[in-house]
Amino acid sequence: VKTGIEVVVVLVGVLLGGTFGWATIAYALGVGPVVQATVR
């Protein structure tokens, strides 16, 4: 769920003219697994 939300938000933001870099992609794909691991 977390990763899905972040990916959708990034795509919409880019289509509207927002800027992003590799860290944006890394955050969108990586923060969900970090949260999942921390919950343990």
PDB file of all heavy atoms in Angstrom:
ATOM      1  N   VAL A   1       0.827  -1.207   0.000  1.00  0.00           N
ATOM      2  CA  VAL A   1       0.000   0.000   0.000  1.00  0.00           C
ATOM      3  C   VAL A   1       0.862   1.258   0.000  1.00  0.00           C
ATOM      4  O   VAL A   1       0.635   2.189  -0.787  1.00  0.00           O
ATOM      5  CB  VAL A   1      -0.947   0.007   1.220  1.00  0.00           C
ATOM      6  CG1 VAL A   1      -1.676   1.347   1.329  1.00  0.00           C
ATOM      7  CG2 VAL A   1      -1.960  -1.128   1.106  1.00  0.00           C
ATOM      8  N   LYS A   2       1.858   1.292   0.869  1.00  0.00           N
ATOM      9  CA  LYS A   2       2.727   2.469   0.965  1.00  0.00           C
ATOM     10  C   LYS A   2       3.442   2.720  -0.358  1.00  0.00           C
ATOM     11  O   LYS A   2       3.456   3.850  -0.857  1.00  0.00           O
ATOM     12  CB  LYS A   2       3.745   2.254   2.082  1.00  0.00           C
ATOM     13  CG  LYS A   2       4.753   3.397   2.264  1.00  0.00           C
ATOM     14  CD  LYS A   2       4.138   4.608   2.899  1.00  0.00           C
ATOM     15  CE  LYS A   2       5.181   5.651   3.265  1.00  0.00           C
ATOM     16  NZ  LYS A   2       4.589   6.885   3.799  1.00  0.00           N
ATOM     17  N   THR A   3       4.035   1.681  -0.925  1.00  0.00           N
ATOM     18  CA  THR A   3       4.754   1.835  -2.181  1.00  0.00           C
ATOM     19  C   THR A   3       3.806   2.253  -3.303  1.00  0.00           C
ATOM     20  O   THR A   3       4.129   3.124  -4.120  1.00  0.00           O
ATOM     21  CB  THR A   3       5.465   0.527  -2.566  1.00  0.00           C
ATOM     22  OG1 THR A   3       6.373   0.164  -1.516  1.00  0.00           O
ATOM     23  CG2 THR A   3       6.245   0.688  -3.855  1.00  0.00           C
ATOM     24  N   GLY A   4       2.618   1.661  -3.345  1.00  0.00           N
ATOM     25  CA  GLY A   4       1.649   2.010  -4.373  1.00  0.00           C
ATOM     26  C   GLY A   4       1.247   3.471  -4.318  1.00  0.00           C
ATOM     27  O   GLY A   4       1.163   4.154  -5.353  1.00  0.00           O
ATOM     28  N   ILE A   5       0.980   3.978  -3.112  1.00  0.00           N
ATOM     29  CA  ILE A   5       0.608   5.388  -2.960  1.00  0.00           C
ATOM     30  C   ILE A   5       1.728   6.298  -3.452  1.00  0.00           C
ATOM     31  O   ILE A   5       1.496   7.254  -4.194  1.00  0.00           O
ATOM     32  CB  ILE A   5       0.274   5.704  -1.491  1.00  0.00           C
ATOM     33  CG1 ILE A   5      -1.034   5.019  -1.081  1.00  0.00           C
ATOM     34  CG2 ILE A   5       0.155   7.219  -1.274  1.00  0.00           C
ATOM     35  CD1 ILE A   5      -1.363   5.158   0.390  1.00  0.00           C
ATOM     36  N   GLU A   6       2.963   5.990  -3.024  1.00  0.00           N
ATOM     37  CA  GLU A   6       4.086   6.848  -3.386  1.00  0.00           C
ATOM     38  C   GLU A   6       4.306   6.872  -4.895  1.00  0.00           C
ATOM     39  O   GLU A   6       4.597   7.916  -5.482  1.00  0.00           O
ATOM     40  CB  GLU A   6       5.365   6.377  -2.683  1.00  0.00           C
ATOM     41  CG  GLU A   6       5.275   6.286  -1.161  1.00  0.00           C
ATOM     42  CD  GLU A   6       5.089   7.629  -0.485  1.00  0.00           C
ATOM     43  OE1 GLU A   6       5.070   8.662  -1.188  1.00  0.00           O
ATOM     44  OE2 GLU A   6       4.965   7.662   0.740  1.00  0.00           O
ATOM     45  N   VAL A   7       4.177   5.726  -5.551  1.00  0.00           N
ATOM     46  CA  VAL A   7       4.378   5.663  -6.998  1.00  0.00           C
ATOM     47  C   VAL A   7       3.314   6.488  -7.725  1.00  0.00           C
ATOM     48  O   VAL A   7       3.616   7.257  -8.653  1.00  0.00           O
ATOM     49  CB  VAL A   7       4.357   4.201  -7.483  1.00  0.00           C
ATOM     50  CG1 VAL A   7       4.315   4.138  -9.009  1.00  0.00           C
ATOM     51  CG2 VAL A   7       5.589   3.460  -6.973  1.00  0.00           C
ATOM     52  N   VAL A   8       2.051   6.351  -7.306  1.00  0.00           N
ATOM     53  CA  VAL A   8       0.963   7.099  -7.945  1.00  0.00           C
ATOM     54  C   VAL A   8       1.166   8.601  -7.759  1.00  0.00           C
ATOM     55  O   VAL A   8       1.002   9.393  -8.708  1.00  0.00           O
ATOM     56  CB  VAL A   8      -0.399   6.667  -7.367  1.00  0.00           C
ATOM     57  CG1 VAL A   8      -1.503   7.614  -7.842  1.00  0.00           C
ATOM     58  CG2 VAL A   8      -0.723   5.243  -7.785  1.00  0.00           C
ATOM     59  N   VAL A   9       1.532   9.020  -6.551  1.00  0.00           N
ATOM     60  CA  VAL A   9       1.735  10.438  -6.263  1.00  0.00           C
ATOM     61  C   VAL A   9       2.847  11.012  -7.138  1.00  0.00           C
ATOM     62  O   VAL A   9       2.738  12.121  -7.673  1.00  0.00           O
ATOM     63  CB  VAL A   9       2.054  10.640  -4.762  1.00  0.00           C
ATOM     64  CG1 VAL A   9       2.587  12.047  -4.507  1.00  0.00           C
ATOM     65  CG2 VAL A   9       0.801  10.399  -3.924  1.00  0.00           C
ATOM     66  N   VAL A  10       3.935  10.260  -7.278  1.00  0.00           N
ATOM     67  CA  VAL A  10       5.053  10.722  -8.111  1.00  0.00           C
ATOM     68  C   VAL A  10       4.612  10.884  -9.564  1.00  0.00           C
ATOM     69  O   VAL A  10       4.914  11.900 -10.212  1.00  0.00           O
ATOM     70  CB  VAL A  10       6.242   9.752  -8.020  1.00  0.00           C
ATOM     71  CG1 VAL A  10       7.273  10.072  -9.095  1.00  0.00           C
ATOM     72  CG2 VAL A  10       6.906   9.841  -6.661  1.00  0.00           C
ATOM     73  N   LEU A  11       3.908   9.894 -10.090  1.00  0.00           N
ATOM     74  CA  LEU A  11       3.476   9.959 -11.483  1.00  0.00           C
ATOM     75  C   LEU A  11       2.574  11.162 -11.738  1.00  0.00           C
ATOM     76  O   LEU A  11       2.738  11.882 -12.728  1.00  0.00           O
ATOM     77  CB  LEU A  11       2.757   8.662 -11.865  1.00  0.00           C
ATOM     78  CG  LEU A  11       3.628   7.409 -11.955  1.00  0.00           C
ATOM     79  CD1 LEU A  11       2.765   6.186 -12.245  1.00  0.00           C
ATOM     80  CD2 LEU A  11       4.705   7.566 -13.025  1.00  0.00           C
ATOM     81  N   VAL A  12       1.633  11.404 -10.843  1.00  0.00           N
ATOM     82  CA  VAL A  12       0.740  12.559 -11.000  1.00  0.00           C
ATOM     83  C   VAL A  12       1.532  13.852 -10.894  1.00  0.00           C
ATOM     84  O   VAL A  12       1.327  14.793 -11.674  1.00  0.00           O
ATOM     85  CB  VAL A  12      -0.382  12.522  -9.936  1.00  0.00           C
ATOM     86  CG1 VAL A  12      -1.226  13.796 -10.011  1.00  0.00           C
ATOM     87  CG2 VAL A  12      -1.271  11.299 -10.140  1.00  0.00           C
ATOM     88  N   GLY A  13       2.454  13.912  -9.934  1.00  0.00           N
ATOM     89  CA  GLY A  13       3.258  15.109  -9.763  1.00  0.00           C
ATOM     90  C   GLY A  13       4.096  15.423 -10.988  1.00  0.00           C
ATOM     91  O   GLY A  13       4.193  16.571 -11.420  1.00  0.00           O
ATOM     92  N   VAL A  14       4.699  14.400 -11.578  1.00  0.00           N
ATOM     93  CA  VAL A  14       5.524  14.588 -12.778  1.00  0.00           C
ATOM     94  C   VAL A  14       4.662  15.065 -13.943  1.00  0.00           C
ATOM     95  O   VAL A  14       5.049  15.964 -14.695  1.00  0.00           O
ATOM     96  CB  VAL A  14       6.256  13.283 -13.141  1.00  0.00           C
ATOM     97  CG1 VAL A  14       6.916  13.404 -14.508  1.00  0.00           C
ATOM     98  CG2 VAL A  14       7.300  12.959 -12.084  1.00  0.00           C
ATOM     99  N   LEU A  15       3.476  14.487 -14.102  1.00  0.00           N
ATOM    100  CA  LEU A  15       2.583  14.902 -15.180  1.00  0.00           C
ATOM    101  C   LEU A  15       2.152  16.358 -15.031  1.00  0.00           C
ATOM    102  O   LEU A  15       1.893  17.046 -16.026  1.00  0.00           O
ATOM    103  CB  LEU A  15       1.345  13.997 -15.207  1.00  0.00           C
ATOM    104  CG  LEU A  15       1.582  12.554 -15.660  1.00  0.00           C
ATOM    105  CD1 LEU A  15       0.302  11.730 -15.513  1.00  0.00           C
ATOM    106  CD2 LEU A  15       2.081  12.513 -17.110  1.00  0.00           C
ATOM    107  N   LEU A  16       2.109  16.852 -13.802  1.00  0.00           N
ATOM    108  CA  LEU A  16       1.728  18.239 -13.540  1.00  0.00           C
ATOM    109  C   LEU A  16       2.921  19.191 -13.605  1.00  0.00           C
ATOM    110  O   LEU A  16       2.751  20.401 -13.451  1.00  0.00           O
ATOM    111  CB  LEU A  16       1.057  18.350 -12.168  1.00  0.00           C
ATOM    112  CG  LEU A  16      -0.310  17.673 -12.021  1.00  0.00           C
ATOM    113  CD1 LEU A  16      -0.805  17.770 -10.588  1.00  0.00           C
ATOM    114  CD2 LEU A  16      -1.326  18.313 -12.978  1.00  0.00           C
ATOM    115  N   GLY A  17       4.116  18.637 -13.804  1.00  0.00           N
ATOM    116  CA  GLY A  17       5.290  19.491 -13.923  1.00  0.00           C
ATOM    117  C   GLY A  17       6.201  19.496 -12.723  1.00  0.00           C
ATOM    118  O   GLY A  17       7.139  20.300 -12.667  1.00  0.00           O
ATOM    119  N   GLY A  18       5.960  18.614 -11.767  1.00  0.00           N
ATOM    120  CA  GLY A  18       6.845  18.528 -10.610  1.00  0.00           C
ATOM    121  C   GLY A  18       8.184  17.930 -10.987  1.00  0.00           C
ATOM    122  O   GLY A  18       8.304  17.221 -11.987  1.00  0.00           O
ATOM    123  N   THR A  19       9.191  18.227 -10.198  1.00  0.00           N
ATOM    124  CA  THR A  19      10.539  17.721 -10.478  1.00  0.00           C
ATOM    125  C   THR A  19      10.882  16.589  -9.514  1.00  0.00           C
ATOM    126  O   THR A  19      10.440  16.572  -8.365  1.00  0.00           O
ATOM    127  CB  THR A  19      11.583  18.839 -10.330  1.00  0.00           C
ATOM    128  OG1 THR A  19      11.520  19.398  -9.011  1.00  0.00           O
ATOM    129  CG2 THR A  19      11.334  19.939 -11.338  1.00  0.00           C
ATOM    130  N   PHE A  20      11.693  15.675 -10.024  1.00  0.00           N
ATOM    131  CA  PHE A  20      12.125  14.575  -9.168  1.00  0.00           C
ATOM    132  C   PHE A  20      13.474  14.071  -9.661  1.00  0.00           C
ATOM    133  O   PHE A  20      13.918  14.377 -10.772  1.00  0.00           O
ATOM    134  CB  PHE A  20      11.097  13.443  -9.169  1.00  0.00           C
ATOM    135  CG  PHE A  20      11.118  12.595 -10.411  1.00  0.00           C
ATOM    136  CD1 PHE A  20      11.686  11.323 -10.395  1.00  0.00           C
ATOM    137  CD2 PHE A  20      10.582  13.070 -11.593  1.00  0.00           C
ATOM    138  CE1 PHE A  20      11.711  10.547 -11.559  1.00  0.00           C
ATOM    139  CE2 PHE A  20      10.599  12.299 -12.755  1.00  0.00           C
ATOM    140  CZ  PHE A  20      11.163  11.035 -12.732  1.00  0.00           C
ATOM    141  N   GLY A  21      14.137  13.282  -8.791  1.00  0.00           N
ATOM    142  CA  GLY A  21      15.419  12.692  -9.133  1.00  0.00           C
ATOM    143  C   GLY A  21      15.444  11.243  -8.695  1.00  0.00           C
ATOM    144  O   GLY A  21      14.422  10.674  -8.306  1.00  0.00           O
ATOM    145  N   TRP A  22      16.631  10.653  -8.720  1.00  0.00           N
ATOM    146  CA  TRP A  22      16.727   9.234  -8.365  1.00  0.00           C
ATOM    147  C   TRP A  22      16.299   8.996  -6.925  1.00  0.00           C
ATOM    148  O   TRP A  22      15.757   7.930  -6.606  1.00  0.00           O
ATOM    149  CB  TRP A  22      18.156   8.728  -8.574  1.00  0.00           C
ATOM    150  CG  TRP A  22      19.162   9.236  -7.567  1.00  0.00           C
ATOM    151  CD1 TRP A  22      19.998  10.294  -7.720  1.00  0.00           C
ATOM    152  CD2 TRP A  22      19.435   8.692  -6.275  1.00  0.00           C
ATOM    153  NE1 TRP A  22      20.777  10.468  -6.594  1.00  0.00           N
ATOM    154  CE2 TRP A  22      20.448   9.491  -5.693  1.00  0.00           C
ATOM    155  CE3 TRP A  22      18.915   7.622  -5.546  1.00  0.00           C
ATOM    156  CZ2 TRP A  22      20.954   9.250  -4.412  1.00  0.00           C
ATOM    157  CZ3 TRP A  22      19.420   7.384  -4.269  1.00  0.00           C
ATOM    158  CH2 TRP A  22      20.420   8.188  -3.719  1.00  0.00           C
ATOM    159  N   ALA A  23      16.526   9.991  -6.039  1.00  0.00           N
ATOM    160  CA  ALA A  23      16.137   9.818  -4.638  1.00  0.00           C
ATOM    161  C   ALA A  23      14.620   9.743  -4.482  1.00  0.00           C
ATOM    162  O   ALA A  23      14.111   9.077  -3.576  1.00  0.00           O
ATOM    163  CB  ALA A  23      16.701  10.954  -3.785  1.00  0.00           C
ATOM    164  N   THR A  24      13.892  10.426  -5.356  1.00  0.00           N
ATOM    165  CA  THR A  24      12.425  10.342  -5.333  1.00  0.00           C
ATOM    166  C   THR A  24      11.972   8.926  -5.647  1.00  0.00           C
ATOM    167  O   THR A  24      11.102   8.364  -4.975  1.00  0.00           O
ATOM    168  CB  THR A  24      11.816  11.311  -6.358  1.00  0.00           C
ATOM    169  OG1 THR A  24      12.339  12.624  -6.140  1.00  0.00           O
ATOM    170  CG2 THR A  24      10.304  11.349  -6.231  1.00  0.00           C
ATOM    171  N   ILE A  25      12.579   8.348  -6.676  1.00  0.00           N
ATOM    172  CA  ILE A  25      12.234   6.978  -7.054  1.00  0.00           C
ATOM    173  C   ILE A  25      12.639   6.003  -5.955  1.00  0.00           C
ATOM    174  O   ILE A  25      11.889   5.082  -5.602  1.00  0.00           O
ATOM    175  CB  ILE A  25      12.926   6.605  -8.379  1.00  0.00           C
ATOM    176  CG1 ILE A  25      12.466   7.547  -9.491  1.00  0.00           C
ATOM    177  CG2 ILE A  25      12.631   5.151  -8.748  1.00  0.00           C
ATOM    178  CD1 ILE A  25      13.201   7.354 -10.795  1.00  0.00           C
ATOM    179  N   ALA A  26      13.840   6.216  -5.392  1.00  0.00           N
ATOM    180  CA  ALA A  26      14.312   5.343  -4.318  1.00  0.00           C
ATOM    181  C   ALA A  26      13.396   5.436  -3.107  1.00  0.00           C
ATOM    182  O   ALA A  26      13.102   4.424  -2.453  1.00  0.00           O
ATOM    183  CB  ALA A  26      15.740   5.720  -3.928  1.00  0.00           C
ATOM    184  N   TYR A  27      12.917   6.635  -2.813  1.00  0.00           N
ATOM    185  CA  TYR A  27      11.991   6.802  -1.687  1.00  0.00           C
ATOM    186  C   TYR A  27      10.677   6.074  -1.964  1.00  0.00           C
ATOM    187  O   TYR A  27      10.165   5.335  -1.115  1.00  0.00           O
ATOM    188  CB  TYR A  27      11.719   8.279  -1.445  1.00  0.00           C
ATOM    189  CG  TYR A  27      10.780   8.546  -0.287  1.00  0.00           C
ATOM    190  CD1 TYR A  27      11.270   8.774   0.996  1.00  0.00           C
ATOM    191  CD2 TYR A  27       9.402   8.547  -0.467  1.00  0.00           C
ATOM    192  CE1 TYR A  27      10.400   8.997   2.064  1.00  0.00           C
ATOM    193  CE2 TYR A  27       8.535   8.772   0.576  1.00  0.00           C
ATOM    194  CZ  TYR A  27       9.043   8.997   1.844  1.00  0.00           C
ATOM    195  OH  TYR A  27       8.175   9.201   2.895  1.00  0.00           O
ATOM    196  N   ALA A  28      10.120   6.292  -3.168  1.00  0.00           N
ATOM    197  CA  ALA A  28       8.833   5.682  -3.497  1.00  0.00           C
ATOM    198  C   ALA A  28       8.883   4.165  -3.424  1.00  0.00           C
ATOM    199  O   ALA A  28       7.932   3.512  -2.974  1.00  0.00           O
ATOM    200  CB  ALA A  28       8.393   6.126  -4.895  1.00  0.00           C
ATOM    201  N   LEU A  29       9.994   3.582  -3.839  1.00  0.00           N
ATOM    202  CA  LEU A  29      10.120   2.128  -3.853  1.00  0.00           C
ATOM    203  C   LEU A  29      10.680   1.557  -2.555  1.00  0.00           C
ATOM    204  O   LEU A  29      10.447   0.399  -2.238  1.00  0.00           O
ATOM    205  CB  LEU A  29      11.017   1.692  -5.019  1.00  0.00           C
ATOM    206  CG  LEU A  29      10.518   2.041  -6.423  1.00  0.00           C
ATOM    207  CD1 LEU A  29      11.544   1.614  -7.471  1.00  0.00           C
ATOM    208  CD2 LEU A  29       9.164   1.398  -6.695  1.00  0.00           C
ATOM    209  N   GLY A  30      11.423   2.373  -1.814  1.00  0.00           N
ATOM    210  CA  GLY A  30      12.130   1.854  -0.642  1.00  0.00           C
ATOM    211  C   GLY A  30      11.510   2.111   0.703  1.00  0.00           C
ATOM    212  O   GLY A  30      11.709   1.337   1.642  1.00  0.00           O
ATOM    213  N   VAL A  31      10.720   3.185   0.847  1.00  0.00           N
ATOM    214  CA  VAL A  31      10.225   3.523   2.182  1.00  0.00           C
ATOM    215  C   VAL A  31       9.199   2.512   2.679  1.00  0.00           C
ATOM    216  O   VAL A  31       9.126   2.218   3.882  1.00  0.00           O
ATOM    217  CB  VAL A  31       9.642   4.950   2.201  1.00  0.00           C
ATOM    218  CG1 VAL A  31       8.300   5.020   1.500  1.00  0.00           C
ATOM    219  CG2 VAL A  31       9.535   5.475   3.633  1.00  0.00           C
ATOM    220  N   GLY A  32       8.405   1.939   1.776  1.00  0.00           N
ATOM    221  CA  GLY A  32       7.422   0.928   2.185  1.00  0.00           C
ATOM    222  C   GLY A  32       8.064  -0.275   2.846  1.00  0.00           C
ATOM    223  O   GLY A  32       7.674  -0.674   3.944  1.00  0.00           O
ATOM    224  N   PRO A  33       9.064  -0.895   2.209  1.00  0.00           N
ATOM    225  CA  PRO A  33       9.761  -2.012   2.849  1.00  0.00           C
ATOM    226  C   PRO A  33      10.416  -1.633   4.180  1.00  0.00           C
ATOM    227  O   PRO A  33      10.462  -2.458   5.089  1.00  0.00           O
ATOM    228  CB  PRO A  33      10.815  -2.403   1.807  1.00  0.00           C
ATOM    229  CG  PRO A  33      10.193  -2.034   0.499  1.00  0.00           C
ATOM    230  CD  PRO A  33       9.446  -0.766   0.776  1.00  0.00           C
ATOM    231  N   VAL A  34      10.917  -0.393   4.300  1.00  0.00           N
ATOM    232  CA  VAL A  34      11.519   0.033   5.573  1.00  0.00           C
ATOM    233  C   VAL A  34      10.457   0.071   6.663  1.00  0.00           C
ATOM    234  O   VAL A  34      10.668  -0.402   7.786  1.00  0.00           O
ATOM    235  CB  VAL A  34      12.202   1.404   5.433  1.00  0.00           C
ATOM    236  CG1 VAL A  34      12.672   1.905   6.802  1.00  0.00           C
ATOM    237  CG2 VAL A  34      13.393   1.331   4.492  1.00  0.00           C
ATOM    238  N   VAL A  35       9.295   0.657   6.347  1.00  0.00           N
ATOM    239  CA  VAL A  35       8.199   0.693   7.321  1.00  0.00           C
ATOM    240  C   VAL A  35       7.784  -0.725   7.684  1.00  0.00           C
ATOM    241  O   VAL A  35       7.593  -1.054   8.864  1.00  0.00           O
ATOM    242  CB  VAL A  35       6.992   1.471   6.756  1.00  0.00           C
ATOM    243  CG1 VAL A  35       5.796   1.372   7.702  1.00  0.00           C
ATOM    244  CG2 VAL A  35       7.352   2.934   6.529  1.00  0.00           C
ATOM    245  N   GLN A  36       7.641  -1.592   6.695  1.00  0.00           N
ATOM    246  CA  GLN A  36       7.232  -2.980   6.923  1.00  0.00           C
ATOM    247  C   GLN A  36       8.208  -3.689   7.851  1.00  0.00           C
ATOM    248  O   GLN A  36       7.809  -4.411   8.764  1.00  0.00           O
ATOM    249  CB  GLN A  36       7.153  -3.717   5.589  1.00  0.00           C
ATOM    250  CG  GLN A  36       6.681  -5.158   5.683  1.00  0.00           C
ATOM    251  CD  GLN A  36       5.167  -5.270   5.726  1.00  0.00           C
ATOM    252  OE1 GLN A  36       4.474  -4.270   5.574  1.00  0.00           O
ATOM    253  NE2 GLN A  36       4.666  -6.462   5.924  1.00  0.00           N
ATOM    254  N   ALA A  37       9.511  -3.478   7.639  1.00  0.00           N
ATOM    255  CA  ALA A  37      10.519  -4.121   8.476  1.00  0.00           C
ATOM    256  C   ALA A  37      10.493  -3.563   9.894  1.00  0.00           C
ATOM    257  O   ALA A  37      10.640  -4.307  10.870  1.00  0.00           O
ATOM    258  CB  ALA A  37      11.904  -3.937   7.861  1.00  0.00           C
ATOM    259  N   THR A  38      10.290  -2.258  10.021  1.00  0.00           N
ATOM    260  CA  THR A  38      10.288  -1.627  11.335  1.00  0.00           C
ATOM    261  C   THR A  38       9.111  -2.087  12.181  1.00  0.00           C
ATOM    262  O   THR A  38       9.208  -2.192  13.405  1.00  0.00           O
ATOM    263  CB  THR A  38      10.252  -0.098  11.188  1.00  0.00           C
ATOM    264  OG1 THR A  38      11.352   0.322  10.372  1.00  0.00           O
ATOM    265  CG2 THR A  38      10.359   0.589  12.548  1.00  0.00           C
ATOM    266  N   VAL A  39       7.977  -2.369  11.532  1.00  0.00           N
ATOM    267  CA  VAL A  39       6.789  -2.814  12.260  1.00  0.00           C
ATOM    268  C   VAL A  39       7.056  -4.122  13.010  1.00  0.00           C
ATOM    269  O   VAL A  39       6.390  -4.435  13.994  1.00  0.00           O
ATOM    270  CB  VAL A  39       5.605  -2.957  11.286  1.00  0.00           C
ATOM    271  CG1 VAL A  39       4.426  -3.670  11.935  1.00  0.00           C
ATOM    272  CG2 VAL A  39       5.166  -1.591  10.806  1.00  0.00           C
ATOM    273  N   ARG A  40       8.045  -4.875  12.586  1.00  0.00           N
ATOM    274  CA  ARG A  40       8.372  -6.132  13.265  1.00  0.00           C
ATOM    275  C   ARG A  40       9.050  -5.889  14.619  1.00  0.00           C
ATOM    276  O   ARG A  40       9.174  -6.822  15.411  1.00  0.00           O
ATOM    277  CB  ARG A  40       9.293  -6.979  12.380  1.00  0.00           C
ATOM    278  CG  ARG A  40       8.662  -7.399  11.060  1.00  0.00           C
ATOM    279  CD  ARG A  40       9.645  -8.172  10.194  1.00  0.00           C
ATOM    280  NE  ARG A  40       9.100  -8.492   8.880  1.00  0.00           N
ATOM    281  CZ  ARG A  40       8.351  -9.548   8.617  1.00  0.00           C
ATOM    282  NH1 ARG A  40       8.062 -10.402   9.580  1.00  0.00           N
ATOM    283  NH2 ARG A  40       7.894  -9.762   7.398  1.00  0.00           N
TER     284      ARG A  40
END
